N, C-alpha and C. Protein backbone atom coordinates (compact mmCIF):
# COMPACT_ATOMS: atom_id res chain seq x y z
N UNK A 1 0.84 -1.19 0.00
CA UNK A 1 0.00 0.00 0.00
C UNK A 1 0.89 1.25 0.00
N UNK A 2 0.45 2.29 -0.69
CA UNK A 2 1.19 3.54 -0.74
C UNK A 2 0.95 4.31 0.55
N UNK A 3 1.79 5.35 0.75
CA UNK A 3 1.61 6.19 1.92
C UNK A 3 0.25 6.86 1.95
N UNK A 4 -0.21 7.32 0.77
CA UNK A 4 -1.53 7.97 0.70
C UNK A 4 -2.64 6.98 1.07
N UNK A 5 -2.52 5.75 0.59
CA UNK A 5 -3.54 4.74 0.89
C UNK A 5 -3.58 4.43 2.38
N UNK A 6 -2.40 4.35 3.00
CA UNK A 6 -2.35 4.09 4.44
C UNK A 6 -2.96 5.24 5.22
N UNK A 7 -2.69 6.46 4.76
CA UNK A 7 -3.22 7.64 5.44
C UNK A 7 -4.74 7.71 5.32
N UNK A 8 -5.25 7.21 4.19
CA UNK A 8 -6.70 7.26 3.95
C UNK A 8 -7.44 6.09 4.58
N UNK A 9 -6.70 5.07 5.04
CA UNK A 9 -7.34 3.85 5.55
C UNK A 9 -8.33 4.12 6.67
N UNK A 10 -7.98 4.90 7.72
CA UNK A 10 -8.95 5.16 8.79
C UNK A 10 -10.21 5.85 8.28
N UNK A 11 -10.05 6.75 7.30
CA UNK A 11 -11.22 7.46 6.75
C UNK A 11 -12.10 6.47 5.98
N UNK A 12 -11.44 5.59 5.20
CA UNK A 12 -12.19 4.59 4.43
C UNK A 12 -12.97 3.67 5.37
N UNK A 13 -12.32 3.23 6.47
CA UNK A 13 -12.99 2.35 7.42
C UNK A 13 -14.14 3.07 8.10
N UNK A 14 -13.94 4.33 8.44
CA UNK A 14 -15.00 5.12 9.08
C UNK A 14 -16.20 5.26 8.15
N UNK A 15 -15.93 5.53 6.87
CA UNK A 15 -17.02 5.65 5.91
C UNK A 15 -17.79 4.33 5.79
N UNK A 16 -17.05 3.21 5.82
CA UNK A 16 -17.69 1.90 5.73
C UNK A 16 -18.59 1.66 6.94
N UNK A 17 -18.11 2.05 8.12
CA UNK A 17 -18.90 1.88 9.34
C UNK A 17 -20.15 2.75 9.31
N UNK A 18 -20.00 3.98 8.83
CA UNK A 18 -21.16 4.88 8.72
C UNK A 18 -22.16 4.30 7.74
N UNK A 19 -21.66 3.76 6.63
CA UNK A 19 -22.55 3.16 5.63
C UNK A 19 -23.29 1.97 6.23
N UNK A 20 -22.57 1.14 6.99
CA UNK A 20 -23.19 -0.02 7.63
C UNK A 20 -24.23 0.43 8.65
N UNK A 21 -23.89 1.45 9.44
CA UNK A 21 -24.82 1.96 10.45
C UNK A 21 -26.10 2.48 9.79
N UNK A 22 -25.94 3.20 8.68
CA UNK A 22 -27.12 3.71 7.96
C UNK A 22 -27.97 2.56 7.43
N UNK A 23 -27.30 1.51 6.96
CA UNK A 23 -28.03 0.36 6.43
C UNK A 23 -28.80 -0.34 7.56
N UNK A 24 -28.15 -0.50 8.70
CA UNK A 24 -28.79 -1.18 9.83
C UNK A 24 -30.03 -0.41 10.29
N UNK A 25 -29.93 0.92 10.31
CA UNK A 25 -31.07 1.74 10.75
C UNK A 25 -32.29 1.53 9.86
N UNK A 26 -32.05 1.18 8.61
CA UNK A 26 -33.16 1.04 7.67
C UNK A 26 -33.76 -0.37 7.66
N UNK A 27 -33.13 -1.30 8.41
CA UNK A 27 -33.57 -2.69 8.38
C UNK A 27 -34.71 -2.95 9.36
N UNK A 28 -35.60 -3.86 9.00
CA UNK A 28 -36.55 -4.39 9.97
C UNK A 28 -35.80 -5.35 10.89
N UNK A 29 -36.44 -5.74 11.99
CA UNK A 29 -35.78 -6.67 12.89
C UNK A 29 -35.44 -7.98 12.20
N UNK A 30 -36.39 -8.52 11.41
CA UNK A 30 -36.13 -9.80 10.77
C UNK A 30 -35.01 -9.70 9.73
N UNK A 31 -34.90 -8.56 9.07
CA UNK A 31 -33.82 -8.37 8.10
C UNK A 31 -32.48 -8.28 8.82
N UNK A 32 -32.47 -7.63 9.98
CA UNK A 32 -31.24 -7.55 10.77
C UNK A 32 -30.86 -8.93 11.28
N UNK A 33 -31.84 -9.72 11.69
CA UNK A 33 -31.56 -11.09 12.13
C UNK A 33 -30.94 -11.89 10.99
N UNK A 34 -31.47 -11.74 9.77
CA UNK A 34 -30.89 -12.42 8.62
C UNK A 34 -29.43 -12.03 8.42
N UNK A 35 -29.17 -10.73 8.57
CA UNK A 35 -27.81 -10.22 8.40
C UNK A 35 -26.87 -10.85 9.42
N UNK A 36 -27.32 -10.95 10.67
CA UNK A 36 -26.49 -11.53 11.72
C UNK A 36 -26.29 -13.03 11.52
N UNK A 37 -27.36 -13.75 11.18
CA UNK A 37 -27.24 -15.19 10.95
C UNK A 37 -26.30 -15.46 9.79
N UNK A 38 -26.36 -14.62 8.76
CA UNK A 38 -25.52 -14.80 7.56
C UNK A 38 -24.03 -14.82 7.88
N UNK A 39 -23.63 -14.22 9.00
CA UNK A 39 -22.21 -14.16 9.34
C UNK A 39 -21.62 -15.54 9.58
N UNK A 40 -22.42 -16.46 10.13
CA UNK A 40 -21.94 -17.81 10.41
C UNK A 40 -23.15 -18.72 10.70
N UNK A 41 -23.95 -19.01 9.68
CA UNK A 41 -25.28 -19.60 9.90
C UNK A 41 -25.32 -20.97 10.53
N UNK A 42 -24.27 -21.76 10.42
CA UNK A 42 -24.30 -23.13 10.93
C UNK A 42 -23.39 -23.34 12.12
N UNK A 43 -22.96 -22.24 12.74
CA UNK A 43 -22.12 -22.31 13.93
C UNK A 43 -23.02 -22.19 15.17
N UNK A 44 -23.17 -23.26 15.95
CA UNK A 44 -24.09 -23.22 17.10
C UNK A 44 -23.80 -22.09 18.08
N UNK A 45 -22.53 -21.81 18.33
CA UNK A 45 -22.19 -20.75 19.28
C UNK A 45 -22.59 -19.37 18.75
N UNK A 46 -22.41 -19.17 17.46
CA UNK A 46 -22.83 -17.90 16.86
C UNK A 46 -24.34 -17.75 16.91
N UNK A 47 -25.06 -18.83 16.60
CA UNK A 47 -26.52 -18.77 16.61
C UNK A 47 -27.04 -18.51 18.02
N UNK A 48 -26.38 -19.03 19.03
CA UNK A 48 -26.77 -18.74 20.42
C UNK A 48 -26.69 -17.24 20.70
N UNK A 49 -25.65 -16.59 20.18
CA UNK A 49 -25.50 -15.15 20.37
C UNK A 49 -26.61 -14.38 19.66
N UNK A 50 -26.93 -14.80 18.44
CA UNK A 50 -28.02 -14.15 17.70
C UNK A 50 -29.34 -14.36 18.44
N UNK A 51 -29.54 -15.56 18.98
CA UNK A 51 -30.75 -15.84 19.74
C UNK A 51 -30.86 -14.94 20.97
N UNK A 52 -29.71 -14.69 21.62
CA UNK A 52 -29.71 -13.82 22.80
C UNK A 52 -30.14 -12.41 22.42
N UNK A 53 -29.71 -11.94 21.26
CA UNK A 53 -30.13 -10.63 20.77
C UNK A 53 -31.64 -10.62 20.52
N UNK A 54 -32.14 -11.70 19.94
CA UNK A 54 -33.58 -11.76 19.66
C UNK A 54 -34.40 -11.76 20.96
N UNK A 55 -33.92 -12.48 21.96
CA UNK A 55 -34.61 -12.47 23.27
C UNK A 55 -34.68 -11.06 23.81
N UNK A 56 -33.57 -10.33 23.74
CA UNK A 56 -33.54 -8.95 24.22
C UNK A 56 -34.52 -8.08 23.44
N UNK A 57 -34.57 -8.28 22.13
CA UNK A 57 -35.50 -7.51 21.29
C UNK A 57 -36.94 -7.70 21.75
N UNK A 58 -37.33 -8.96 21.97
CA UNK A 58 -38.71 -9.23 22.38
C UNK A 58 -38.98 -8.75 23.80
N UNK A 59 -37.97 -8.82 24.67
CA UNK A 59 -38.15 -8.31 26.03
C UNK A 59 -38.38 -6.79 26.02
N UNK A 60 -37.61 -6.10 25.20
CA UNK A 60 -37.76 -4.64 25.11
C UNK A 60 -39.09 -4.25 24.48
N UNK A 61 -39.62 -5.12 23.64
CA UNK A 61 -40.88 -4.80 22.96
C UNK A 61 -42.10 -5.41 23.62
N UNK A 62 -41.92 -6.01 24.80
CA UNK A 62 -43.05 -6.67 25.45
C UNK A 62 -44.02 -5.66 26.04
N UNK A 63 -45.24 -6.12 26.25
CA UNK A 63 -46.26 -5.25 26.83
C UNK A 63 -47.63 -5.85 26.63
N UNK A 64 -48.64 -5.08 26.93
CA UNK A 64 -50.03 -5.54 26.80
C UNK A 64 -50.68 -4.87 25.61
N UNK A 65 -51.50 -5.63 24.93
CA UNK A 65 -52.23 -5.09 23.78
C UNK A 65 -53.55 -5.83 23.62
N UNK A 66 -54.64 -5.11 23.59
CA UNK A 66 -55.95 -5.72 23.44
C UNK A 66 -56.53 -5.31 22.09
N UNK A 67 -56.70 -6.31 21.23
CA UNK A 67 -57.18 -6.01 19.87
C UNK A 67 -57.68 -7.29 19.25
N UNK A 68 -58.32 -7.17 18.10
CA UNK A 68 -58.77 -8.34 17.35
C UNK A 68 -57.57 -9.24 17.05
N UNK A 69 -57.75 -10.56 17.22
CA UNK A 69 -56.65 -11.50 17.03
C UNK A 69 -56.05 -11.41 15.62
N UNK A 70 -56.85 -11.02 14.63
CA UNK A 70 -56.34 -10.90 13.26
C UNK A 70 -55.21 -9.88 13.21
N UNK A 71 -55.31 -8.82 14.00
CA UNK A 71 -54.30 -7.76 14.00
C UNK A 71 -53.11 -8.09 14.90
N UNK A 72 -53.29 -9.02 15.82
CA UNK A 72 -52.23 -9.32 16.77
C UNK A 72 -51.38 -10.51 16.32
N UNK A 73 -52.03 -11.55 15.80
CA UNK A 73 -51.31 -12.79 15.51
C UNK A 73 -50.49 -12.72 14.23
N UNK A 74 -50.78 -11.78 13.35
CA UNK A 74 -50.00 -11.63 12.14
C UNK A 74 -48.77 -10.76 12.38
N UNK A 75 -47.59 -11.27 12.07
CA UNK A 75 -46.38 -10.47 12.25
C UNK A 75 -45.32 -10.94 11.26
N UNK A 76 -44.31 -10.12 11.07
CA UNK A 76 -43.23 -10.42 10.14
C UNK A 76 -42.33 -11.50 10.74
N UNK A 77 -42.36 -12.69 10.15
CA UNK A 77 -41.53 -13.78 10.70
C UNK A 77 -40.28 -14.02 9.87
N UNK A 78 -40.01 -13.15 8.92
CA UNK A 78 -38.78 -13.27 8.15
C UNK A 78 -39.01 -13.78 6.74
N UNK A 79 -37.91 -14.04 6.05
CA UNK A 79 -37.98 -14.47 4.65
C UNK A 79 -38.12 -15.97 4.50
N UNK A 80 -37.38 -16.53 3.54
CA UNK A 80 -37.47 -17.97 3.28
C UNK A 80 -36.92 -18.75 4.46
N UNK A 81 -37.55 -19.87 4.71
CA UNK A 81 -37.16 -20.66 5.88
C UNK A 81 -37.65 -22.09 5.75
N UNK A 82 -36.95 -22.98 6.43
CA UNK A 82 -37.44 -24.33 6.64
C UNK A 82 -38.17 -24.34 7.97
N UNK A 83 -39.37 -24.91 7.98
CA UNK A 83 -40.18 -24.95 9.20
C UNK A 83 -40.82 -26.32 9.32
N UNK A 84 -40.86 -26.84 10.54
CA UNK A 84 -41.65 -28.03 10.82
C UNK A 84 -42.41 -27.79 12.11
N UNK A 85 -43.73 -27.94 12.04
CA UNK A 85 -44.56 -27.80 13.23
C UNK A 85 -45.26 -29.12 13.48
N UNK A 86 -45.19 -29.56 14.72
CA UNK A 86 -45.85 -30.81 15.11
C UNK A 86 -46.87 -30.53 16.20
N UNK A 87 -47.82 -31.45 16.34
CA UNK A 87 -48.83 -31.32 17.38
C UNK A 87 -48.91 -32.63 18.16
N UNK A 88 -49.24 -32.51 19.45
CA UNK A 88 -49.42 -33.70 20.28
C UNK A 88 -50.42 -33.39 21.39
N UNK A 89 -51.14 -34.39 21.85
CA UNK A 89 -52.15 -34.15 22.89
C UNK A 89 -51.51 -33.98 24.26
N UNK A 90 -52.09 -33.09 25.04
CA UNK A 90 -51.62 -32.88 26.42
C UNK A 90 -52.85 -32.89 27.34
N UNK A 91 -52.61 -33.25 28.59
CA UNK A 91 -53.68 -33.22 29.58
C UNK A 91 -53.16 -32.50 30.81
N UNK A 92 -54.03 -32.20 31.72
CA UNK A 92 -53.64 -31.47 32.93
C UNK A 92 -53.77 -32.33 34.18
N UNK A 93 -53.84 -33.67 34.00
CA UNK A 93 -53.97 -34.54 35.16
C UNK A 93 -52.65 -34.63 35.91
N UNK A 94 -52.71 -34.81 37.19
CA UNK A 94 -51.49 -34.87 38.00
C UNK A 94 -50.63 -36.06 37.59
N UNK A 95 -51.28 -37.14 37.11
CA UNK A 95 -50.53 -38.32 36.70
C UNK A 95 -49.64 -38.02 35.50
N UNK A 96 -50.15 -37.21 34.59
CA UNK A 96 -49.38 -36.90 33.38
C UNK A 96 -48.43 -35.74 33.56
N UNK A 97 -48.58 -34.95 34.63
CA UNK A 97 -47.71 -33.81 34.85
C UNK A 97 -47.93 -32.74 33.80
N UNK A 98 -46.86 -32.25 33.21
CA UNK A 98 -46.93 -31.19 32.20
C UNK A 98 -46.20 -31.64 30.94
N UNK A 99 -46.81 -32.52 30.14
CA UNK A 99 -46.10 -33.05 28.97
C UNK A 99 -45.70 -31.98 27.97
N UNK A 100 -46.47 -30.87 27.90
CA UNK A 100 -46.10 -29.82 26.95
C UNK A 100 -44.78 -29.16 27.34
N UNK A 101 -44.59 -28.93 28.64
CA UNK A 101 -43.34 -28.33 29.10
C UNK A 101 -42.20 -29.35 29.10
N UNK A 102 -42.53 -30.61 29.45
CA UNK A 102 -41.50 -31.66 29.41
C UNK A 102 -40.99 -31.85 27.98
N UNK A 103 -41.88 -31.76 27.02
CA UNK A 103 -41.50 -31.88 25.61
C UNK A 103 -40.44 -30.85 25.26
N UNK A 104 -40.67 -29.59 25.64
CA UNK A 104 -39.73 -28.52 25.32
C UNK A 104 -38.39 -28.75 26.00
N UNK A 105 -38.42 -29.14 27.26
CA UNK A 105 -37.16 -29.39 27.98
C UNK A 105 -36.36 -30.50 27.31
N UNK A 106 -37.05 -31.58 26.95
CA UNK A 106 -36.35 -32.70 26.30
C UNK A 106 -35.86 -32.33 24.91
N UNK A 107 -36.63 -31.53 24.20
CA UNK A 107 -36.20 -31.07 22.88
C UNK A 107 -34.94 -30.21 23.00
N UNK A 108 -34.92 -29.34 24.01
CA UNK A 108 -33.75 -28.49 24.21
C UNK A 108 -32.51 -29.33 24.50
N UNK A 109 -32.66 -30.33 25.36
CA UNK A 109 -31.52 -31.20 25.68
C UNK A 109 -31.05 -31.95 24.44
N UNK A 110 -32.00 -32.42 23.62
CA UNK A 110 -31.64 -33.17 22.41
C UNK A 110 -30.85 -32.29 21.45
N UNK A 111 -31.26 -31.03 21.31
CA UNK A 111 -30.57 -30.11 20.40
C UNK A 111 -29.19 -29.76 20.93
N UNK A 112 -29.08 -29.58 22.24
CA UNK A 112 -27.77 -29.28 22.84
C UNK A 112 -26.83 -30.47 22.68
N UNK A 113 -27.34 -31.68 22.91
CA UNK A 113 -26.51 -32.88 22.79
C UNK A 113 -26.03 -33.08 21.35
N UNK A 114 -26.88 -32.72 20.39
CA UNK A 114 -26.53 -32.89 18.97
C UNK A 114 -25.77 -31.69 18.42
N UNK A 115 -25.59 -30.65 19.25
CA UNK A 115 -24.88 -29.43 18.85
C UNK A 115 -25.50 -28.82 17.60
N UNK A 116 -26.83 -28.70 17.61
CA UNK A 116 -27.56 -28.17 16.46
C UNK A 116 -27.61 -26.65 16.52
N UNK A 117 -27.30 -25.95 15.42
CA UNK A 117 -27.46 -24.49 15.38
C UNK A 117 -28.94 -24.14 15.21
N UNK A 118 -29.64 -23.99 16.33
CA UNK A 118 -31.10 -23.84 16.31
C UNK A 118 -31.50 -22.39 16.49
N UNK A 119 -31.85 -21.70 15.41
CA UNK A 119 -32.24 -20.29 15.52
C UNK A 119 -33.55 -20.13 16.28
N UNK A 120 -33.69 -18.99 16.93
CA UNK A 120 -34.96 -18.65 17.57
C UNK A 120 -35.95 -18.21 16.50
N UNK A 121 -37.24 -18.36 16.77
CA UNK A 121 -37.78 -18.97 17.98
C UNK A 121 -38.13 -20.44 17.77
N UNK A 122 -38.22 -21.18 18.89
CA UNK A 122 -38.96 -22.43 18.89
C UNK A 122 -40.33 -22.04 19.42
N UNK A 123 -41.32 -22.12 18.57
CA UNK A 123 -42.65 -21.61 18.91
C UNK A 123 -43.51 -22.72 19.51
N UNK A 124 -44.26 -22.36 20.54
CA UNK A 124 -45.19 -23.31 21.14
C UNK A 124 -46.53 -22.63 21.34
N UNK A 125 -47.60 -23.33 20.93
CA UNK A 125 -48.95 -22.80 21.11
C UNK A 125 -49.87 -23.96 21.46
N UNK A 126 -51.11 -23.63 21.83
CA UNK A 126 -52.06 -24.64 22.26
C UNK A 126 -53.39 -24.40 21.57
N UNK A 127 -54.08 -25.49 21.24
CA UNK A 127 -55.43 -25.38 20.68
C UNK A 127 -56.29 -26.49 21.29
N UNK A 128 -57.60 -26.31 21.14
CA UNK A 128 -58.52 -27.38 21.47
C UNK A 128 -58.42 -28.46 20.41
N UNK A 129 -59.05 -29.59 20.65
CA UNK A 129 -59.14 -30.62 19.63
C UNK A 129 -59.95 -30.09 18.45
N UNK A 130 -59.77 -30.74 17.31
CA UNK A 130 -60.41 -30.28 16.07
C UNK A 130 -61.31 -31.36 15.50
N UNK A 131 -62.36 -30.92 14.80
CA UNK A 131 -63.24 -31.87 14.11
C UNK A 131 -62.76 -32.16 12.70
N UNK A 132 -61.68 -31.50 12.26
CA UNK A 132 -61.16 -31.70 10.90
C UNK A 132 -60.33 -32.99 10.84
N UNK A 133 -60.75 -33.96 10.04
CA UNK A 133 -60.03 -35.24 10.00
C UNK A 133 -58.56 -35.13 9.60
N UNK A 134 -58.19 -34.09 8.82
CA UNK A 134 -56.80 -33.94 8.40
C UNK A 134 -55.93 -33.26 9.44
N UNK A 135 -56.52 -32.81 10.53
CA UNK A 135 -55.75 -32.10 11.55
C UNK A 135 -55.06 -33.08 12.49
N UNK A 136 -53.80 -32.82 12.86
CA UNK A 136 -53.14 -33.65 13.87
C UNK A 136 -53.85 -33.57 15.22
N UNK A 137 -54.69 -32.56 15.39
CA UNK A 137 -55.43 -32.38 16.65
C UNK A 137 -56.84 -32.97 16.56
N UNK A 138 -57.06 -33.83 15.58
CA UNK A 138 -58.41 -34.38 15.36
C UNK A 138 -58.89 -35.20 16.55
N UNK A 139 -60.17 -35.02 16.86
CA UNK A 139 -60.86 -35.85 17.85
C UNK A 139 -62.29 -36.02 17.35
N UNK A 140 -62.82 -37.21 17.48
CA UNK A 140 -64.16 -37.47 16.93
C UNK A 140 -65.23 -36.63 17.61
N UNK A 141 -64.99 -36.24 18.87
CA UNK A 141 -65.95 -35.38 19.59
C UNK A 141 -65.17 -34.26 20.28
N UNK A 142 -64.71 -33.27 19.51
CA UNK A 142 -63.83 -32.24 20.08
C UNK A 142 -64.47 -31.41 21.18
N UNK A 143 -65.81 -31.37 21.24
CA UNK A 143 -66.46 -30.57 22.27
C UNK A 143 -66.57 -31.32 23.60
N UNK A 144 -66.27 -32.62 23.60
CA UNK A 144 -66.34 -33.39 24.84
C UNK A 144 -65.33 -32.87 25.85
N UNK A 145 -65.68 -32.97 27.11
CA UNK A 145 -64.78 -32.52 28.18
C UNK A 145 -63.50 -33.35 28.19
N UNK A 146 -63.57 -34.59 27.70
CA UNK A 146 -62.40 -35.46 27.71
C UNK A 146 -61.50 -35.26 26.50
N UNK A 147 -61.95 -34.50 25.54
CA UNK A 147 -61.11 -34.25 24.35
C UNK A 147 -59.88 -33.47 24.78
N UNK A 148 -58.69 -33.90 24.38
CA UNK A 148 -57.48 -33.26 24.88
C UNK A 148 -57.18 -31.90 24.25
N UNK A 149 -56.49 -31.09 25.00
CA UNK A 149 -55.85 -29.90 24.43
C UNK A 149 -54.63 -30.39 23.66
N UNK A 150 -54.29 -29.69 22.60
CA UNK A 150 -53.10 -30.06 21.82
C UNK A 150 -52.07 -28.94 21.88
N UNK A 151 -50.82 -29.34 22.03
CA UNK A 151 -49.71 -28.39 21.96
C UNK A 151 -49.05 -28.51 20.61
N UNK A 152 -48.76 -27.37 20.01
CA UNK A 152 -48.08 -27.31 18.72
C UNK A 152 -46.70 -26.70 18.93
N UNK A 153 -45.67 -27.34 18.37
CA UNK A 153 -44.30 -26.83 18.51
C UNK A 153 -43.67 -26.72 17.13
N UNK A 154 -43.20 -25.53 16.81
CA UNK A 154 -42.58 -25.29 15.51
C UNK A 154 -41.11 -24.95 15.63
N UNK A 155 -40.29 -25.54 14.76
CA UNK A 155 -38.86 -25.23 14.72
C UNK A 155 -38.53 -24.67 13.33
N UNK A 156 -37.39 -23.99 13.24
CA UNK A 156 -37.13 -23.19 12.05
C UNK A 156 -35.64 -23.11 11.75
N UNK A 157 -35.32 -22.98 10.48
CA UNK A 157 -33.98 -22.57 10.03
C UNK A 157 -34.17 -21.61 8.87
N UNK A 158 -33.40 -20.54 8.86
CA UNK A 158 -33.59 -19.48 7.88
C UNK A 158 -32.68 -19.66 6.67
N UNK A 159 -33.27 -19.52 5.48
CA UNK A 159 -32.51 -19.49 4.23
C UNK A 159 -32.26 -18.02 3.93
N UNK A 160 -31.25 -17.48 4.56
CA UNK A 160 -31.02 -16.04 4.54
C UNK A 160 -30.58 -15.56 3.16
N UNK A 161 -30.85 -14.28 2.85
CA UNK A 161 -30.57 -13.75 1.51
C UNK A 161 -29.12 -13.84 1.08
N UNK A 162 -28.19 -13.85 2.05
CA UNK A 162 -26.78 -13.88 1.70
C UNK A 162 -26.26 -15.25 1.31
N UNK A 163 -27.09 -16.28 1.41
CA UNK A 163 -26.64 -17.64 1.10
C UNK A 163 -26.66 -17.90 -0.41
N UNK A 164 -25.60 -18.52 -0.89
CA UNK A 164 -25.60 -18.97 -2.28
C UNK A 164 -26.19 -20.37 -2.33
N UNK A 165 -26.16 -21.00 -3.50
CA UNK A 165 -26.76 -22.32 -3.66
C UNK A 165 -26.13 -23.34 -2.70
N UNK A 166 -24.82 -23.26 -2.52
CA UNK A 166 -24.14 -24.18 -1.61
C UNK A 166 -24.59 -23.92 -0.17
N UNK A 167 -24.70 -22.65 0.20
CA UNK A 167 -25.13 -22.31 1.55
C UNK A 167 -26.54 -22.80 1.84
N UNK A 168 -27.43 -22.66 0.85
CA UNK A 168 -28.81 -23.13 1.03
C UNK A 168 -28.85 -24.65 1.16
N UNK A 169 -28.00 -25.34 0.38
CA UNK A 169 -27.95 -26.80 0.48
C UNK A 169 -27.42 -27.22 1.85
N UNK A 170 -26.42 -26.50 2.36
CA UNK A 170 -25.87 -26.82 3.68
C UNK A 170 -26.90 -26.59 4.78
N UNK A 171 -27.68 -25.50 4.65
CA UNK A 171 -28.72 -25.22 5.63
C UNK A 171 -29.81 -26.28 5.58
N UNK A 172 -30.17 -26.71 4.38
CA UNK A 172 -31.18 -27.76 4.23
C UNK A 172 -30.70 -29.05 4.89
N UNK A 173 -29.44 -29.41 4.69
CA UNK A 173 -28.89 -30.61 5.31
C UNK A 173 -28.87 -30.46 6.83
N UNK A 174 -28.55 -29.26 7.31
CA UNK A 174 -28.53 -29.02 8.75
C UNK A 174 -29.93 -29.12 9.34
N UNK A 175 -30.93 -28.69 8.58
CA UNK A 175 -32.30 -28.79 9.08
C UNK A 175 -32.74 -30.25 9.18
N UNK A 176 -32.28 -31.06 8.24
CA UNK A 176 -32.58 -32.49 8.33
C UNK A 176 -31.99 -33.07 9.62
N UNK A 177 -30.75 -32.66 9.94
CA UNK A 177 -30.12 -33.15 11.18
C UNK A 177 -30.87 -32.62 12.40
N UNK A 178 -31.37 -31.40 12.30
CA UNK A 178 -32.17 -30.80 13.35
C UNK A 178 -33.38 -31.70 13.66
N UNK A 179 -34.13 -32.07 12.62
CA UNK A 179 -35.32 -32.89 12.79
C UNK A 179 -34.96 -34.29 13.28
N UNK A 180 -33.85 -34.82 12.77
CA UNK A 180 -33.41 -36.14 13.22
C UNK A 180 -33.09 -36.13 14.72
N UNK A 181 -32.53 -35.03 15.21
CA UNK A 181 -32.22 -34.92 16.63
C UNK A 181 -33.49 -34.90 17.48
N UNK A 182 -34.56 -34.33 16.92
CA UNK A 182 -35.81 -34.22 17.66
C UNK A 182 -36.72 -35.44 17.48
N UNK A 183 -36.42 -36.29 16.52
CA UNK A 183 -37.30 -37.42 16.20
C UNK A 183 -37.64 -38.29 17.41
N UNK A 184 -36.68 -38.63 18.28
CA UNK A 184 -37.03 -39.45 19.45
C UNK A 184 -38.01 -38.74 20.39
N UNK A 185 -37.89 -37.43 20.49
CA UNK A 185 -38.81 -36.66 21.34
C UNK A 185 -40.20 -36.67 20.71
N UNK A 186 -40.27 -36.45 19.39
CA UNK A 186 -41.55 -36.50 18.68
C UNK A 186 -42.23 -37.86 18.92
N UNK A 187 -41.46 -38.93 18.76
CA UNK A 187 -42.03 -40.27 18.90
C UNK A 187 -42.52 -40.51 20.32
N UNK A 188 -41.76 -40.08 21.31
CA UNK A 188 -42.13 -40.31 22.71
C UNK A 188 -43.47 -39.67 23.03
N UNK A 189 -43.71 -38.46 22.50
CA UNK A 189 -44.93 -37.73 22.86
C UNK A 189 -46.05 -37.87 21.82
N UNK A 190 -45.81 -38.68 20.80
CA UNK A 190 -46.83 -38.87 19.78
C UNK A 190 -47.06 -37.63 18.94
N UNK A 191 -46.00 -36.84 18.74
CA UNK A 191 -46.11 -35.59 17.98
C UNK A 191 -46.05 -35.89 16.49
N UNK A 192 -46.97 -35.29 15.75
CA UNK A 192 -47.02 -35.52 14.30
C UNK A 192 -47.14 -34.18 13.57
N UNK A 193 -46.60 -34.09 12.36
CA UNK A 193 -46.71 -32.85 11.58
C UNK A 193 -48.09 -32.70 10.97
N UNK A 194 -48.32 -31.56 10.39
CA UNK A 194 -49.59 -31.30 9.72
C UNK A 194 -49.70 -32.20 8.50
N UNK A 195 -50.77 -32.98 8.44
CA UNK A 195 -50.92 -33.96 7.36
C UNK A 195 -51.02 -33.30 5.99
N UNK A 196 -51.57 -32.10 5.93
CA UNK A 196 -51.92 -31.51 4.63
C UNK A 196 -50.77 -30.76 3.98
N UNK A 197 -49.60 -30.73 4.58
CA UNK A 197 -48.48 -29.97 4.00
C UNK A 197 -47.58 -30.87 3.17
N UNK A 198 -47.21 -30.38 2.00
CA UNK A 198 -46.27 -31.11 1.14
C UNK A 198 -45.02 -30.24 0.98
N UNK A 199 -43.86 -30.80 1.31
CA UNK A 199 -42.61 -30.06 1.17
C UNK A 199 -41.98 -30.46 -0.16
N UNK A 200 -42.17 -29.67 -1.19
CA UNK A 200 -41.66 -29.98 -2.51
C UNK A 200 -40.13 -29.91 -2.51
N UNK A 201 -39.49 -30.98 -2.96
CA UNK A 201 -38.03 -31.00 -3.06
C UNK A 201 -37.33 -31.33 -1.76
N UNK A 202 -38.06 -31.65 -0.73
CA UNK A 202 -37.41 -31.96 0.57
C UNK A 202 -36.72 -33.31 0.50
């Protein structure tokens, strides 16, 4: 490098930082998450750090809101992604304990043991039984008091914009390993995916 280039280096770096800062200010949260994941998408330790940032984001944005569910439940969940959501029946009897919470604890241990780069969130929700035969929550008499509540758990991996074809293939392979790590937990609790979904090219 010439003397002039060396002298200009701090200015060039400062301009790059300003440019990056301006870009970050214009990003949505999910776009910023994509940018962070893109730095090292399959490194479990890096993903843990990104997850910690996401937890902080949601903590800072927490609060109460009363509105029609249509306006509350819809939110920006990001761009392209691999997702698998399963459902399983849960009860509240003392004999069964809390299978919905036990499921999550066991899933977390399985992912840690397999060293899976598991991006946030792992989503969990609950519904009543359903009269729809294609639903994993199907029950022949969903209105009966004995019809179980069902817990739904969704896991995710992001196909971030910065990934090339090789990166997307690596993420797809990693997601397969993710599901394989959870398979024993799914089997133990009778968790099944949505019957009506077809994953083309999976």
